[in-house]
Protein backbone atom coordinates (compact mmCIF):
# COMPACT_ATOMS: atom_id res chain seq x y z
CA GLN A 1 0.00 0.00 0.00
CA VAL A 2 1.41 3.36 -1.05
CA ARG A 3 1.57 5.91 1.74
CA LEU A 4 2.59 9.56 1.68
CA VAL A 5 3.44 11.58 4.78
CA GLU A 6 3.98 15.34 4.58
CA SER A 7 5.88 17.46 7.08
CA GLY A 8 7.41 20.91 7.44
CA GLY A 9 4.40 23.20 7.41
CA GLY A 10 3.57 25.91 9.92
CA LEU A 11 3.22 29.62 10.48
CA VAL A 12 5.66 32.01 8.83
CA GLN A 13 5.79 35.75 8.30
CA PRO A 14 5.49 37.26 4.82
CA GLY A 15 8.83 37.05 3.06
CA GLY A 16 9.83 33.99 5.02
CA SER A 17 10.64 30.45 3.92
CA LEU A 18 9.50 26.92 4.62
CA ARG A 19 10.49 23.55 3.26
CA LEU A 20 7.87 20.84 2.93
CA SER A 21 8.82 17.18 2.76
CA CYS A 22 6.82 14.19 1.56
CA VAL A 23 8.06 10.70 2.33
CA VAL A 24 6.73 7.88 0.17
CA SER A 25 6.51 4.28 1.31
CA GLY A 26 5.12 1.12 -0.21
CA SER A 27 6.20 1.69 -3.79
CA ILE A 28 9.09 2.16 -6.12
CA PHE A 29 9.65 5.91 -6.00
CA SER A 30 12.51 6.97 -8.22
CA ILE A 31 10.90 6.54 -11.65
CA TYR A 32 7.57 8.19 -10.97
CA ASP A 33 6.28 11.74 -11.13
CA MET A 34 5.48 13.52 -7.90
CA LEU A 35 3.27 16.56 -7.48
CA TRP A 36 2.53 19.23 -4.88
CA TYR A 37 -0.96 20.74 -4.75
CA ARG A 38 -2.52 23.28 -2.43
CA GLN A 39 -6.02 24.24 -1.42
CA ALA A 40 -6.99 27.49 0.23
CA PRO A 41 -10.35 27.84 2.03
CA GLY A 42 -13.22 28.19 -0.42
CA THR A 43 -11.10 27.40 -3.47
CA GLN A 44 -10.37 24.37 -5.62
CA ARG A 45 -7.21 22.38 -5.17
CA GLU A 46 -4.53 23.68 -7.52
CA LEU A 47 -1.32 22.20 -8.85
CA VAL A 48 1.71 24.03 -7.47
CA ALA A 49 4.68 22.06 -8.80
CA GLY A 50 5.65 18.74 -10.32
CA ILE A 51 8.79 16.72 -10.80
CA THR A 52 9.30 13.77 -13.12
CA GLY A 53 11.28 10.63 -12.43
CA ASN A 54 14.28 12.19 -14.19
CA SER A 55 13.84 15.44 -12.24
CA LYS A 56 12.28 17.68 -14.85
CA THR A 57 10.20 20.28 -13.07
CA ASN A 58 7.21 22.49 -13.73
CA TYR A 59 5.52 25.21 -11.69
CA ALA A 60 2.36 27.21 -11.45
CA GLU A 61 2.89 30.77 -12.65
CA SER A 62 2.03 32.10 -9.21
CA VAL A 63 5.02 30.38 -7.60
CA LYS A 64 7.66 30.48 -10.34
CA GLY A 65 10.91 31.92 -9.06
CA ARG A 66 9.87 31.47 -5.43
CA PHE A 67 9.24 27.73 -5.02
CA THR A 68 11.54 24.85 -5.90
CA ILE A 69 10.55 21.20 -6.08
CA SER A 70 13.20 18.54 -5.74
CA ARG A 71 13.55 14.87 -4.88
CA ASP A 72 15.97 12.57 -3.09
CA ASN A 73 15.48 9.08 -4.45
CA THR A 74 17.73 7.60 -1.76
CA LYS A 75 15.22 8.77 0.84
CA ASN A 76 12.01 8.29 -1.17
CA THR A 77 11.29 11.95 -0.48
CA VAL A 78 10.08 14.91 -2.49
CA TYR A 79 10.58 18.46 -1.24
CA LEU A 80 9.01 21.83 -1.83
CA GLN A 81 11.24 24.74 -0.89
CA MET A 82 9.10 27.85 -0.55
CA ASN A 83 10.78 31.25 -0.40
CA SER A 84 9.45 34.80 -0.38
CA LEU A 85 6.17 33.53 0.99
CA GLU A 86 3.09 35.70 0.64
CA PRO A 87 -0.23 35.65 2.50
CA GLU A 88 -1.78 34.31 -0.72
CA ASP A 89 0.31 31.16 -0.30
CA THR A 90 -1.70 30.25 2.80
CA ALA A 91 -3.29 26.86 2.14
CA VAL A 92 -3.23 23.19 2.95
CA TYR A 93 -0.48 21.63 0.85
CA TYR A 94 -0.82 18.08 -0.45
CA CYS A 95 1.68 15.67 -1.90
CA ASN A 96 0.47 13.44 -4.75
CA PHE A 97 1.94 10.26 -6.16
CA LYS A 98 0.75 10.69 -9.73
CA ARG A 99 1.16 7.08 -10.94
CA TYR A 100 -1.35 5.71 -8.43
CA ASN A 101 -3.15 8.98 -7.64
CA VAL A 102 -2.40 8.61 -3.95
CA TRP A 103 -2.56 11.67 -1.71
CA GLY A 104 -1.00 12.64 1.58
CA ARG A 105 -3.19 13.97 4.37
CA GLY A 106 -2.09 17.52 3.73
CA ILE A 107 -0.21 20.03 5.84
CA GLN A 108 -1.13 23.57 6.76
CA VAL A 109 1.00 26.51 5.65
CA THR A 110 0.00 29.90 7.03
CA VAL A 111 1.70 33.11 5.96
CA SER A 112 0.78 35.94 8.28
CA ALA A 113 2.32 38.80 10.18
């Protein structure tokens, strides 16, 4: 059974940084695409960033230049480094294992002074 566990969220001031982690268990990890989504209250879940098995990346326009997705295949982990955070980045962030469409439980990120 594939399982995803996110960590690293929390409260940060505008302009600050956070790094989210998502550890995958129960599956081969290195060859598959991984995605980060987010969902703010009252909005639909949106794709934030993705990384392929050979580490090609893509980003939503709203986070380009501020967020970086990466992976460590030795640790079965995908990361989302978030810099220059803005209040509009406040949301629950979800990790997604695209191949099997498995989701983590989500982790809260709050950007507020």
